[in-house]
Structures are given as C-alpha cells and as structure tokens.
Protein backbone atom coordinates (compact mmCIF):
# COMPACT_ATOMS: atom_id res chain seq x y z
CA MET A 1 -10.44 -15.21 7.00
CA ARG A 2 -8.44 -18.19 8.26
CA LEU A 3 -4.71 -18.38 7.67
CA ASP A 4 -5.08 -21.43 5.45
CA LYS A 5 -6.95 -19.21 2.97
CA VAL A 6 -4.21 -16.62 3.16
CA CYS A 7 -1.62 -19.33 2.50
CA CYS A 8 -3.53 -20.52 -0.54
CA ILE A 9 -3.70 -16.96 -1.88
CA ALA A 10 0.03 -16.53 -1.26
CA LEU A 11 0.89 -19.75 -3.04
CA THR A 12 -1.34 -18.81 -5.97
CA ALA A 13 0.52 -15.51 -6.28
CA VAL A 14 3.87 -17.28 -6.24
CA MET A 15 2.75 -19.70 -8.95
CA LEU A 16 1.43 -16.86 -11.10
CA LEU A 17 4.73 -15.07 -10.71
CA ALA A 18 6.92 -18.12 -11.16
CA GLY A 19 7.72 -16.99 -14.66
CA VAL A 20 8.73 -13.52 -13.50
CA THR A 21 10.28 -12.70 -10.11
CA ALA A 22 13.98 -10.79 -6.06
CA CYS A 23 14.85 -8.08 -4.36
CA GLY A 24 15.54 -4.49 -4.90
CA GLY A 25 13.74 -1.65 -3.37
CA LEU A 26 13.41 1.19 -0.99
CA LYS A 27 15.30 1.19 2.30
CA PRO A 28 13.26 1.81 5.47
CA PRO A 29 14.43 4.64 7.73
CA ALA A 30 15.11 4.28 11.43
CA SER A 31 12.38 6.61 12.66
CA GLN A 32 8.97 8.08 11.85
CA GLU A 33 9.23 11.82 12.56
CA ALA A 34 6.29 14.12 11.78
CA SER A 35 6.51 15.65 8.32
CA PRO A 36 4.67 17.78 5.73
CA GLN A 37 1.63 16.27 4.04
CA PRO A 38 2.37 14.05 1.01
CA THR A 39 0.92 14.92 -2.38
CA ALA A 40 0.05 13.34 -5.70
CA LEU A 41 0.19 15.26 -8.96
CA ALA A 42 -2.87 15.09 -11.20
CA PRO A 43 -2.16 13.27 -14.48
CA THR A 44 -2.61 16.35 -16.69
CA GLN A 45 -0.41 18.47 -14.41
CA ALA A 46 2.39 15.97 -14.01
CA LEU A 47 2.56 14.95 -17.67
CA GLN A 48 3.83 18.41 -18.51
CA ALA A 49 7.12 17.98 -16.65
CA ALA A 50 7.28 14.65 -14.87
CA PRO A 51 10.74 13.24 -14.21
CA LYS A 52 11.62 9.77 -15.37
CA THR A 53 10.61 6.98 -13.03
CA THR A 54 13.36 6.22 -10.53
CA PRO A 55 14.67 2.72 -11.28
CA LEU A 56 15.02 0.19 -8.50
CA PRO A 57 18.42 -1.40 -7.88
CA THR A 58 18.87 -4.54 -9.96
CA PRO A 59 18.63 -7.54 -7.65
CA THR A 60 21.21 -10.31 -7.76
CA PRO A 61 19.98 -13.91 -7.96
CA SER A 62 20.96 -16.20 -5.15
CA LYS A 63 21.02 -19.98 -4.89
CA GLN A 64 21.47 -20.25 -1.14
CA GLN A 65 18.80 -22.01 0.85
CA PRO A 66 16.42 -19.88 2.93
CA THR A 67 17.09 -19.42 6.60
CA ALA A 68 14.94 -17.96 9.30
CA VAL A 69 15.76 -14.37 10.20
CA PRO A 70 15.06 -13.40 13.81
CA PRO A 71 12.93 -10.25 14.18
CA THR A 72 14.68 -7.02 15.07
CA ALA A 73 12.44 -6.12 17.98
CA THR A 74 13.10 -5.61 21.65
CA PRO A 75 10.50 -6.79 24.19
CA THR A 76 9.63 -4.08 26.67
CA GLU A 77 6.62 -5.43 28.51
CA GLN A 78 5.09 -8.83 29.29
CA PRO A 79 1.75 -9.67 27.69
CA ALA A 80 -1.46 -9.10 29.58
CA ALA A 81 -3.90 -12.01 29.70
CA GLU A 82 -6.86 -9.70 29.13
CA GLU A 83 -5.25 -7.98 26.12
CA ASN A 84 -7.92 -6.58 23.82
CA LEU A 85 -7.40 -7.87 20.28
CA GLU A 86 -8.39 -4.78 18.31
CA GLU A 87 -9.03 -5.01 14.60
CA VAL A 88 -6.39 -3.58 12.29
CA VAL A 89 -7.56 -0.50 10.38
CA SER A 90 -7.15 -0.22 6.61
CA PRO A 91 -5.17 2.95 5.73
CA GLU A 92 -7.86 4.58 3.60
CA LEU A 93 -10.32 4.22 6.48
CA SER A 94 -7.90 5.61 9.04
CA GLU A 95 -7.72 9.29 9.94
CA LYS A 96 -4.14 8.75 11.16
CA ILE A 97 -2.52 7.63 7.90
CA LYS A 98 -1.89 10.01 4.99
CA SER A 99 0.87 8.06 3.21
CA TYR A 100 3.21 5.10 3.59
CA ARG A 101 5.74 2.88 1.87
CA GLN A 102 5.76 -0.89 2.11
CA ASP A 103 8.45 -3.35 1.03
CA THR A 104 7.56 -7.03 0.78
CA GLN A 105 10.15 -9.71 0.03
CA TRP A 106 8.99 -13.12 -1.22
CA LEU A 107 10.86 -16.40 -1.50
CA ASN A 108 9.49 -19.73 -2.73
CA VAL A 109 11.56 -22.93 -3.02
CA GLU A 110 10.38 -26.20 -4.54
CA GLY A 111 13.22 -28.68 -4.79
CA GLU A 112 15.87 -27.11 -7.03
CA ASP A 113 13.55 -24.36 -8.22
CA ARG A 114 13.87 -21.02 -6.44
CA THR A 115 11.68 -17.97 -7.12
CA GLU A 116 12.25 -14.68 -5.35
CA PHE A 117 10.86 -11.21 -5.87
CA SER A 118 9.99 -7.97 -4.14
CA VAL A 119 6.91 -5.77 -4.15
CA ASN A 120 7.48 -2.09 -3.29
CA ILE A 121 4.43 0.13 -2.76
CA GLU A 122 4.03 3.87 -2.22
CA TRP A 123 0.57 5.17 -1.33
CA VAL A 124 -0.82 8.69 -0.79
CA LYS A 125 -4.33 9.30 0.48
CA GLU A 126 -4.56 12.80 -1.05
CA GLY A 127 -5.26 12.12 -4.71
CA PRO A 128 -5.41 9.23 -4.04
CA ALA A 129 -2.31 7.74 -5.69
CA ARG A 130 -0.29 4.55 -5.58
CA ARG A 131 2.91 3.31 -7.21
CA MET A 132 3.84 -0.37 -7.15
CA VAL A 133 7.02 -1.94 -8.50
CA MET A 134 7.40 -5.71 -8.63
CA SER A 135 10.80 -7.11 -9.53
CA GLY A 136 12.78 -10.28 -9.13
CA TYR A 137 14.03 -13.52 -10.66
CA ASP A 138 12.15 -16.58 -11.81
CA LYS A 139 13.27 -20.17 -11.28
CA ASP A 140 15.48 -19.93 -14.40
CA GLY A 141 17.30 -16.87 -13.08
CA LYS A 142 15.61 -14.51 -15.54
CA HIS A 143 15.02 -10.99 -14.23
CA PHE A 144 11.70 -9.17 -14.60
CA GLU A 145 10.19 -5.87 -13.49
CA TRP A 146 6.66 -4.46 -13.60
CA GLU A 147 5.49 -1.04 -12.54
CA ILE A 148 1.97 0.26 -11.98
CA ILE A 149 1.11 3.90 -11.24
CA GLU A 150 -2.44 4.91 -10.28
CA ILE A 151 -3.54 8.51 -9.77
CA ALA A 152 -7.25 9.11 -9.12
CA ASP A 153 -8.98 7.22 -11.97
CA ALA A 154 -5.94 7.04 -14.27
CA GLN A 155 -3.66 3.99 -14.49
CA TYR A 156 -0.28 3.41 -16.10
CA MET A 157 1.49 0.07 -16.36
CA ARG A 158 5.02 -0.72 -17.51
CA MET A 159 6.31 -4.14 -18.49
CA GLY A 160 9.96 -3.93 -19.44
CA ASP A 161 10.36 -0.66 -21.34
CA GLN A 162 6.81 -0.44 -22.70
CA TRP A 163 4.07 1.59 -21.02
CA MET A 164 0.32 1.28 -21.38
CA SER A 165 -2.23 3.70 -19.99
CA LEU A 166 -5.90 3.76 -19.06
CA SER A 167 -7.56 7.05 -18.13
CA GLY A 168 -11.05 7.42 -16.71
CA GLY A 169 -13.57 4.94 -15.37
CA GLN A 170 -11.17 3.25 -12.93
CA GLU A 171 -11.61 2.83 -9.19
CA PRO A 172 -9.29 5.19 -7.25
CA PRO A 173 -6.39 3.36 -5.59
CA THR A 174 -6.87 2.39 -1.95
CA GLY A 175 -4.40 1.46 0.77
CA GLU A 176 -5.86 -2.01 1.22
CA GLU A 177 -2.89 -3.65 -0.49
CA MET A 178 -0.93 -3.12 2.72
CA LEU A 179 -3.12 -5.70 4.44
CA ILE A 180 -3.64 -8.31 1.70
CA TRP A 181 -0.80 -10.49 2.98
CA THR A 182 -0.15 -9.02 6.43
CA ASN A 183 -3.43 -8.47 8.28
CA PRO A 184 -3.10 -10.29 11.64
CA ASP A 185 -6.88 -10.21 12.05
CA THR A 186 -6.98 -13.17 9.64
CA TRP A 187 -5.09 -15.50 11.97
CA LYS A 188 -4.25 -14.05 15.40
CA ASN A 189 -7.21 -15.73 17.13
CA GLU A 190 -6.19 -19.19 15.92
CA PRO A 191 -5.26 -21.68 18.69
CA ALA A 192 -1.64 -21.76 17.48
CA CYS A 193 -1.31 -17.97 17.86
CA SER A 194 -0.90 -15.81 20.93
CA TYR A 195 -0.33 -12.23 22.00
CA LYS A 196 3.28 -11.70 23.09
CA GLY A 197 3.08 -8.24 24.55
CA GLN A 198 4.36 -4.78 23.76
CA GLU A 199 7.66 -4.44 21.91
CA THR A 200 9.67 -1.65 20.33
CA TYR A 201 10.26 -2.07 16.61
CA GLU A 202 12.51 0.51 14.91
CA GLY A 203 11.58 3.14 17.46
CA GLN A 204 7.84 2.44 17.39
CA LYS A 205 5.73 1.00 20.16
CA THR A 206 4.06 -2.12 18.84
CA LYS A 207 1.95 -5.06 19.92
CA ARG A 208 3.26 -8.41 18.78
CA TRP A 209 1.37 -11.56 17.90
CA SER A 210 3.11 -14.84 17.09
CA CYS A 211 2.06 -18.24 15.75
CA THR A 212 3.77 -21.61 15.76
CA LYS A 213 3.97 -23.93 12.75
CA GLU A 214 0.65 -25.54 13.74
CA VAL A 215 -1.14 -22.48 12.34
CA PHE A 216 -0.47 -23.89 8.84
CA ALA A 217 -2.25 -27.18 9.62
CA GLY A 218 -4.89 -27.84 6.98
CA ALA A 219 -3.51 -25.20 4.61
CA ASP A 220 -1.93 -27.85 2.32
CA VAL A 221 1.04 -25.58 1.63
CA ILE A 222 3.19 -28.64 0.82
CA PRO A 223 1.37 -31.18 -1.38
CA ASN A 224 1.21 -34.49 0.49
CA GLY A 225 3.93 -33.20 2.77
CA THR A 226 4.80 -32.10 6.26
CA ILE A 227 5.83 -28.71 7.61
CA GLU A 228 8.92 -29.18 9.74
CA GLU A 229 9.40 -25.55 10.75
CA GLY A 230 7.22 -22.50 10.48
CA ARG A 231 6.07 -19.32 12.16
CA VAL A 232 4.07 -16.14 11.75
CA ASP A 233 5.01 -12.94 13.57
CA SER A 234 3.32 -9.56 13.37
CA TRP A 235 4.18 -6.23 14.99
CA VAL A 236 1.23 -3.80 14.98
CA SER A 237 1.87 -0.11 15.57
CA GLU A 238 0.08 1.20 18.64
CA GLU A 239 -0.01 4.68 17.13
CA TYR A 240 -1.34 3.81 13.66
CA ASP A 241 -3.13 0.44 14.20
CA ILE A 242 -1.41 -1.16 11.20
CA PRO A 243 1.15 -4.00 10.95
CA VAL A 244 4.58 -2.40 10.47
CA HIS A 245 6.50 -5.70 10.32
CA THR A 246 5.28 -9.15 9.31
CA VAL A 247 7.10 -12.45 8.82
CA VAL A 248 5.45 -15.60 7.44
CA GLU A 249 7.64 -18.62 6.74
CA TRP A 250 7.64 -22.38 6.61
CA GLN A 251 9.76 -25.23 5.30
CA GLY A 252 9.33 -28.97 5.02
CA LYS A 253 9.24 -31.93 2.65
CA ASP A 254 6.71 -33.81 0.59
CA ALA A 255 6.20 -37.57 0.63
CA ASP A 256 9.07 -38.02 -1.84
CA GLY A 257 11.53 -36.02 0.26
CA LYS A 258 11.41 -32.93 -1.96
CA ASN A 259 12.27 -29.75 -0.07
CA TYR A 260 9.80 -26.87 0.09
CA ALA A 261 10.25 -23.45 1.66
CA PHE A 262 8.36 -20.16 1.69
CA ARG A 263 9.13 -16.81 3.27
CA LEU A 264 7.36 -13.47 3.20
CA GLU A 265 8.63 -10.42 5.07
CA ALA A 266 6.83 -7.07 4.88
CA LYS A 267 7.87 -3.74 6.36
CA VAL A 268 5.83 -0.53 6.44
CA TYR A 269 7.70 2.75 6.89
CA ASP A 270 7.71 6.44 5.92
CA ILE A 271 4.24 6.73 7.44
CA ASN A 272 2.93 10.26 6.78
CA LYS A 273 6.23 11.26 5.16
CA PRO A 274 6.20 13.42 1.98
CA ILE A 275 5.66 11.14 -1.03
CA THR A 276 5.06 12.46 -4.56
CA ILE A 277 3.66 10.06 -7.14
CA GLU A 278 3.70 11.24 -10.74
CA PRO A 279 2.65 9.75 -14.09
CA PRO A 280 5.32 8.67 -16.56
CA GLU A 281 6.73 11.27 -18.95
CA ALA A 282 4.30 12.06 -21.75
CA SER A 283 6.92 11.03 -24.29
CA ALA A 284 7.00 7.53 -22.83
CA LEU A 285 3.24 6.99 -23.10
CA PRO A 286 1.50 5.56 -26.15
CA GLY A 287 -1.35 7.55 -27.68
CA LEU A 288 -2.79 9.10 -30.81
CA PRO A 289 -0.50 11.19 -33.02
CA GLU A 290 -1.18 14.92 -33.33
CA ASP A 291 -2.92 14.55 -36.69
CA ILE A 292 -5.58 12.17 -35.38
CA PRO A 293 -8.01 13.99 -33.07
CA MET A 294 -9.87 12.43 -30.18
CA MET A 295 -13.60 13.08 -29.97
CA GLU A 296 -14.74 15.53 -27.30
CA GLY A 297 -16.09 13.75 -24.26
CA ALA A 298 -13.88 10.67 -24.74
CA LYS A 299 -13.61 8.52 -21.60
CA GLU A 300 -11.93 5.30 -20.50
CA VAL A 301 -9.02 6.05 -22.81
CA PHE A 302 -6.73 3.02 -23.22
CA ALA A 303 -3.38 3.06 -25.04
CA MET A 304 -0.90 0.24 -25.53
CA GLY A 305 1.74 0.16 -28.22
CA GLN A 306 0.08 0.95 -31.56
CA MET A 307 -3.48 0.54 -30.27
CA VAL A 308 -5.65 3.28 -28.76
CA SER A 309 -9.31 3.08 -27.78
CA PHE A 310 -11.92 5.11 -25.94
CA LYS A 311 -15.64 5.36 -25.32
CA VAL A 312 -17.81 8.36 -26.12
CA GLU A 313 -21.50 9.26 -26.09
CA ALA A 314 -22.41 9.13 -29.78
CA SER A 315 -23.94 6.82 -32.36
CA VAL A 316 -21.92 4.76 -34.84
CA ASP A 317 -23.06 7.08 -37.64
CA GLU A 318 -22.06 10.21 -35.68
CA ALA A 319 -18.59 8.90 -34.84
CA THR A 320 -18.09 7.69 -38.42
CA ALA A 321 -19.03 11.12 -39.79
CA PHE A 322 -16.68 12.83 -37.33
CA TYR A 323 -13.65 10.80 -38.37
CA THR A 324 -14.47 10.84 -42.08
CA LYS A 325 -14.24 14.64 -41.96
CA ALA A 326 -11.47 15.00 -39.34
CA MET A 327 -9.08 12.59 -41.04
CA ALA A 328 -9.50 14.31 -44.41
CA ASN A 329 -8.87 17.71 -42.79
CA ASN A 330 -5.60 16.37 -41.38
CA GLY A 331 -4.28 15.07 -44.69
CA TRP A 332 -5.30 11.42 -44.40
CA LYS A 333 -6.59 9.59 -47.49
CA ALA A 334 -9.53 7.23 -47.08
CA GLY A 335 -9.11 3.64 -48.27
CA GLU A 336 -11.70 1.53 -50.00
CA ALA A 337 -14.99 1.15 -48.17
CA SER A 338 -15.03 -2.05 -46.14
CA GLY A 339 -18.78 -2.50 -46.32
CA VAL A 340 -18.80 -2.92 -42.53
CA PRO A 341 -20.50 -0.06 -40.63
CA GLY A 342 -17.98 1.86 -38.51
CA MET A 343 -14.85 0.30 -40.02
CA MET A 344 -12.52 2.65 -41.96
CA THR A 345 -8.93 2.68 -43.17
CA PHE A 346 -6.79 5.77 -43.84
CA THR A 347 -3.25 6.25 -45.13
CA LYS A 348 -0.81 9.17 -44.97
CA GLU A 349 2.66 8.90 -46.43
CA LYS A 350 4.12 5.71 -44.88
CA ARG A 351 1.51 5.44 -42.16
CA GLN A 352 -1.80 3.61 -41.99
CA VAL A 353 -4.57 3.57 -39.41
CA GLN A 354 -7.64 1.38 -39.13
CA ILE A 355 -10.57 2.79 -37.18
CA MET A 356 -13.23 0.50 -35.77
CA ILE A 357 -16.38 2.00 -34.26
CA SER A 358 -18.87 -0.25 -32.49
CA GLU A 359 -21.93 0.28 -30.34
CA GLU A 360 -21.51 -0.23 -26.59
CA ASP A 361 -25.08 0.62 -25.63
CA ALA A 362 -27.90 2.85 -26.82
CA LYS A 363 -25.92 6.03 -26.06
CA THR A 364 -22.25 5.02 -26.24
CA VAL A 365 -19.82 3.75 -28.85
CA SER A 366 -16.31 2.33 -28.59
CA VAL A 367 -13.68 3.74 -30.97
CA THR A 368 -10.48 1.75 -31.56
CA PHE A 369 -7.44 2.78 -33.60
CA MET A 370 -4.82 0.34 -34.94
CA LEU A 371 -1.76 2.30 -36.07
CA GLN A 372 0.93 1.06 -38.42
CA GLY A 373 4.08 2.56 -39.88
CA GLU A 374 6.36 5.36 -38.74
C-alpha cells in the first residue's frame, strides 16, 4: 500500500471522529525487561468478580498550534547501503510477541478548527483479548470517550456510561491494529524515504526509516493546497520486528490561505509484560432480567440498553411455545394476540416486554426482547 492511501485512511478517520475526540492514556516505561506471561480472563470467569474499568486521565483541550517534536532517539551506527528492508511482522503472526500496549496521539487542524484525540490499546495473544480506549475533544471542545473490550468471541462497548455487549459469533481480536497506521512497509520504499541506520530508542535497538514531505505528493491531504512541511519517521525494533515509535506529520495551506496541519505519533511499549484484560462488571452490562429465561443453545447474544437479542436453532413455533410457557411460569401475563406469528407481549407489575421471533434460515430463529418499565 502506498502512503497516499494511508493518508486518505487517516484523514477519513479524523473526519469520522471530528464530532468526538485528545489525550489521556497510559505512560510508556523506560525499558522492556522480561516478565511473566500476560493473561486474559474468560468472560464467564471475569464477570464474577471483575473490577471496574480503570478510567483514563481526563485530557485538557488546547488551542495552541501544532509544532514538530524531534524524536527521542540516539543514532548509534551509520546506515548500510545494502540494508535489507525486511517486512514488519504482525503481532499475532509473530512468535516473539505475547502482549503489548500502544498509545497513539492524533491532531488535525483545519483553519480555526482543532480536533485531537488518543487511542490506547492493550493486546494479549493468549485468549486472545484486546482493550481499546479512544478519548479526546472535538472541534467544539466537547470531550468524548469510547471503550471496546474483546475477549475471544465476546465484545463489549461503552459510549459514555452505557455498555453494550455481543457474545458469540465474533472474530477473535488480533494484533493487526498496531500496524494500521504505523506499518513502514507501506511507504519505506518510496523515493522520498530512506533507511537512516541503527538507533537506540528508549533502550531498544531499532532500525530507522525516514521520509521527507515529498512522500505526501499525490495524497491530496490538503484540498487544492500545498504541503509546506512534513515528515514520516519510523523506528522498528530489531528484537521484535515491529514499529515501536512512529511519527507522521504535515502542515500547509490551501489555495485560500487556510492553514492545515496533521500529526500522528504512536508508541508501542510493555511488550510481553503482564497485561490482564477483563470484561466489565456484570452489574454494568445490559441483559435479560432473572425472570425471563434465555433458550438453551442461544448464540450471538446482543444486549444494549433495554434491548436483548440472540439466535438459536429452533423454529418460530418452537420458540413461541417455549416463551409462552416460560413467561407464564415466571409470573408474566400475556397480552392480546397480535395476529403476527412470533410476536408476543407480556406484562408483570409495572414492567412490559415485547418478544419478536423471526426466522433466520431453515434451522435458526432470531429472538428479540424490548423491555420497558422498572
């Protein structure tokens, strides 16, 4: 992939996040000592006694203009002309990487509008499991925060204070996210890029590649404009074959003199350090109340607010018969027949639930609950 495609992807992400976006997060350590293997708790195990999610520090909006930050690396050896440009290895395909943390800081400026946010990722191969927190400020200075936790085939997402969950049928989390924005294989062979030699970055031996602003030519990062300054720098760990520090930035003006600036800085740390990723507390998750049973064999269970749904191997008639009997046994009173197959309403004290059962295929039905009341 050429860098102009990466730039377009990056700009798309910034535009999508323009309404929600700044910078809190985990602090990288100074070294990478060997450590015990990281672990991820299975959803059913961790839900029994999982601690509350650790909040990130609340970022403070800033109106200052972006400035280039020189890399904190010390050159130790001059580049070799015959340097072999190895391909970077994705963590889940590497036998060397069991876990990592990655902090990515984003900044996008368009005239007076400034959007900044951070993406903090924890990943554990054993499980596998991943936790991602995205937080920041939009162009109006409004703070936002999202959180996504994935453990095996279960997913949990928080927006503000509200969680939603989806269990079963999901692809296990991979470590590819580390490389979405930072893989030097996408641009290091461009004419504007060159190998700069071996350098030490935060105690690690790395190989550094660097690009001048010409690497953004043709990427159209500034509509009808010109990039006045720009660079890409990447430090790839010799031990782990992954980029441990990446900086992508540019600034310039459009034809009307409007200022544009972009900066992305990503750091990978805590490689193979102990990291435990747990689901949210059970009390924080939406779901069915105790007096509404879930059919045996339910899969792809989704819960958000007052809505819960799942799929199960059964016919519409079988699922309807199950809930007609089960709801009555749990003290629910059936409402008037709707005349629509698979659609039922039940009440109990001040609560009401509507159940909708529909055929997914010849062997499977989808069951959806809409809950109302206390």
